[in-house]
Amino acid sequence: MAYSMNLGGKRLRPALVLMSSRIFGGNEEEILPMALAMEMIHTYSLIHDDLPAMDNDE
């Protein structure tokens, strides 16, 4: 998981969360955990999607 989270990438989802917070007058410190959680959930979904492809069952 750490390997996947530390790779480069667009990080578009957390940026959108932070920008939306700024537009609507939110506190960036309060919304930052949500922005990070969004990216972690997305990364998890990509890893979970790849798991069946890693199976050696032919």
N, C-alpha and C. Protein backbone atom coordinates (compact mmCIF):
# COMPACT_ATOMS: atom_id res chain seq x y z
N MET A 1 0.83 -1.18 0.00
CA MET A 1 0.00 0.00 0.00
C MET A 1 0.88 1.25 0.00
N ALA A 2 1.92 1.26 0.83
CA ALA A 2 2.80 2.43 0.88
C ALA A 2 3.45 2.66 -0.49
N TYR A 3 3.83 1.57 -1.16
CA TYR A 3 4.43 1.69 -2.49
C TYR A 3 3.47 2.39 -3.45
N SER A 4 2.22 1.99 -3.43
CA SER A 4 1.23 2.58 -4.33
C SER A 4 0.92 4.03 -3.98
N MET A 5 0.90 4.35 -2.69
CA MET A 5 0.57 5.71 -2.27
C MET A 5 1.71 6.69 -2.55
N ASN A 6 2.94 6.19 -2.58
CA ASN A 6 4.09 7.08 -2.75
C ASN A 6 4.51 7.27 -4.20
N LEU A 7 3.88 6.55 -5.12
CA LEU A 7 4.20 6.73 -6.53
C LEU A 7 3.68 8.08 -7.00
N GLY A 8 4.23 8.55 -8.07
CA GLY A 8 3.74 9.80 -8.65
C GLY A 8 2.34 9.62 -9.21
N GLY A 9 1.72 10.69 -9.51
CA GLY A 9 0.38 10.63 -10.07
C GLY A 9 -0.24 12.01 -10.09
N LYS A 10 -1.40 12.08 -10.64
CA LYS A 10 -2.05 13.37 -10.78
C LYS A 10 -2.58 13.90 -9.46
N ARG A 11 -3.01 13.01 -8.58
CA ARG A 11 -3.60 13.41 -7.29
C ARG A 11 -4.74 14.40 -7.51
N LEU A 12 -5.54 14.13 -8.53
CA LEU A 12 -6.62 15.02 -8.90
C LEU A 12 -7.73 15.05 -7.85
N ARG A 13 -8.06 13.89 -7.30
CA ARG A 13 -9.16 13.83 -6.33
C ARG A 13 -8.91 14.69 -5.10
N PRO A 14 -7.77 14.57 -4.43
CA PRO A 14 -7.56 15.44 -3.26
C PRO A 14 -7.49 16.92 -3.64
N ALA A 15 -6.95 17.21 -4.81
CA ALA A 15 -6.90 18.61 -5.24
C ALA A 15 -8.30 19.17 -5.43
N LEU A 16 -9.20 18.37 -6.00
CA LEU A 16 -10.58 18.81 -6.18
C LEU A 16 -11.28 19.03 -4.84
N VAL A 17 -11.02 18.15 -3.87
CA VAL A 17 -11.61 18.31 -2.54
C VAL A 17 -11.13 19.61 -1.91
N LEU A 18 -9.83 19.87 -1.99
CA LEU A 18 -9.27 21.10 -1.40
C LEU A 18 -9.78 22.35 -2.11
N MET A 19 -9.85 22.30 -3.44
CA MET A 19 -10.37 23.46 -4.18
C MET A 19 -11.83 23.72 -3.86
N SER A 20 -12.61 22.65 -3.75
CA SER A 20 -14.03 22.81 -3.40
C SER A 20 -14.17 23.42 -2.02
N SER A 21 -13.33 23.00 -1.11
CA SER A 21 -13.35 23.55 0.24
C SER A 21 -13.06 25.05 0.23
N ARG A 22 -12.07 25.44 -0.57
CA ARG A 22 -11.73 26.87 -0.66
C ARG A 22 -12.89 27.67 -1.26
N ILE A 23 -13.51 27.12 -2.31
CA ILE A 23 -14.62 27.82 -2.97
C ILE A 23 -15.76 28.07 -2.00
N PHE A 24 -16.06 27.07 -1.18
CA PHE A 24 -17.21 27.18 -0.28
C PHE A 24 -16.83 27.67 1.11
N GLY A 25 -15.60 28.17 1.26
CA GLY A 25 -15.20 28.79 2.52
C GLY A 25 -14.86 27.83 3.63
N GLY A 26 -14.48 26.60 3.29
CA GLY A 26 -14.12 25.62 4.31
C GLY A 26 -12.72 25.84 4.85
N ASN A 27 -12.44 25.17 5.94
CA ASN A 27 -11.13 25.24 6.58
C ASN A 27 -10.26 24.12 6.00
N GLU A 28 -9.13 24.48 5.39
CA GLU A 28 -8.28 23.50 4.73
C GLU A 28 -7.74 22.46 5.72
N GLU A 29 -7.42 22.87 6.93
CA GLU A 29 -6.90 21.92 7.92
C GLU A 29 -7.94 20.87 8.29
N GLU A 30 -9.21 21.26 8.30
CA GLU A 30 -10.27 20.31 8.64
C GLU A 30 -10.58 19.37 7.49
N ILE A 31 -10.43 19.82 6.26
CA ILE A 31 -10.81 19.01 5.10
C ILE A 31 -9.66 18.14 4.60
N LEU A 32 -8.43 18.44 5.01
CA LEU A 32 -7.27 17.69 4.53
C LEU A 32 -7.38 16.19 4.78
N PRO A 33 -7.81 15.72 5.97
CA PRO A 33 -7.96 14.27 6.16
C PRO A 33 -8.94 13.64 5.16
N MET A 34 -10.00 14.36 4.81
CA MET A 34 -10.96 13.85 3.83
C MET A 34 -10.32 13.76 2.45
N ALA A 35 -9.53 14.76 2.09
CA ALA A 35 -8.86 14.74 0.80
C ALA A 35 -7.89 13.55 0.71
N LEU A 36 -7.16 13.31 1.78
CA LEU A 36 -6.22 12.18 1.81
C LEU A 36 -6.96 10.85 1.78
N ALA A 37 -8.07 10.78 2.49
CA ALA A 37 -8.87 9.55 2.50
C ALA A 37 -9.40 9.24 1.11
N MET A 38 -9.82 10.27 0.38
CA MET A 38 -10.32 10.05 -0.98
C MET A 38 -9.24 9.41 -1.85
N GLU A 39 -8.01 9.88 -1.75
CA GLU A 39 -6.92 9.32 -2.55
C GLU A 39 -6.60 7.90 -2.11
N MET A 40 -6.62 7.63 -0.81
CA MET A 40 -6.35 6.28 -0.31
C MET A 40 -7.43 5.30 -0.77
N ILE A 41 -8.68 5.72 -0.74
CA ILE A 41 -9.77 4.85 -1.19
C ILE A 41 -9.62 4.56 -2.68
N HIS A 42 -9.28 5.56 -3.46
CA HIS A 42 -9.08 5.35 -4.89
C HIS A 42 -7.92 4.38 -5.15
N THR A 43 -6.81 4.59 -4.44
CA THR A 43 -5.66 3.70 -4.60
C THR A 43 -6.02 2.27 -4.20
N TYR A 44 -6.77 2.12 -3.10
CA TYR A 44 -7.21 0.79 -2.68
C TYR A 44 -8.04 0.14 -3.77
N SER A 45 -8.94 0.90 -4.39
CA SER A 45 -9.80 0.31 -5.42
C SER A 45 -8.98 -0.16 -6.61
N LEU A 46 -7.92 0.57 -6.96
CA LEU A 46 -7.06 0.14 -8.06
C LEU A 46 -6.31 -1.14 -7.71
N ILE A 47 -5.81 -1.21 -6.48
CA ILE A 47 -5.10 -2.41 -6.04
C ILE A 47 -6.06 -3.60 -5.99
N HIS A 48 -7.23 -3.39 -5.43
CA HIS A 48 -8.23 -4.45 -5.31
C HIS A 48 -8.65 -4.95 -6.69
N ASP A 49 -8.77 -4.06 -7.65
CA ASP A 49 -9.16 -4.43 -9.00
C ASP A 49 -8.09 -5.29 -9.67
N ASP A 50 -6.82 -5.07 -9.34
CA ASP A 50 -5.73 -5.82 -9.95
C ASP A 50 -5.49 -7.19 -9.30
N LEU A 51 -6.02 -7.42 -8.12
CA LEU A 51 -5.73 -8.68 -7.41
C LEU A 51 -6.11 -9.93 -8.20
N PRO A 52 -7.30 -10.01 -8.81
CA PRO A 52 -7.61 -11.23 -9.58
C PRO A 52 -6.62 -11.47 -10.72
N ALA A 53 -6.07 -10.43 -11.31
CA ALA A 53 -5.12 -10.58 -12.40
C ALA A 53 -3.79 -11.14 -11.91
N MET A 54 -3.52 -11.04 -10.61
CA MET A 54 -2.26 -11.53 -10.06
C MET A 54 -2.34 -13.01 -9.70
N ASP A 55 -3.52 -13.59 -9.80
CA ASP A 55 -3.71 -14.99 -9.46
C ASP A 55 -3.04 -15.86 -10.52
N ASN A 56 -2.36 -16.91 -10.09
CA ASN A 56 -1.69 -17.82 -11.02
C ASN A 56 -2.61 -18.91 -11.53
N ASP A 57 -3.87 -18.85 -11.18
CA ASP A 57 -4.84 -19.86 -11.60
C ASP A 57 -5.12 -19.72 -13.10
N GLU A 58 -4.83 -20.80 -13.85
CA GLU A 58 -5.05 -20.73 -15.30
C GLU A 58 -6.06 -21.71 -15.72
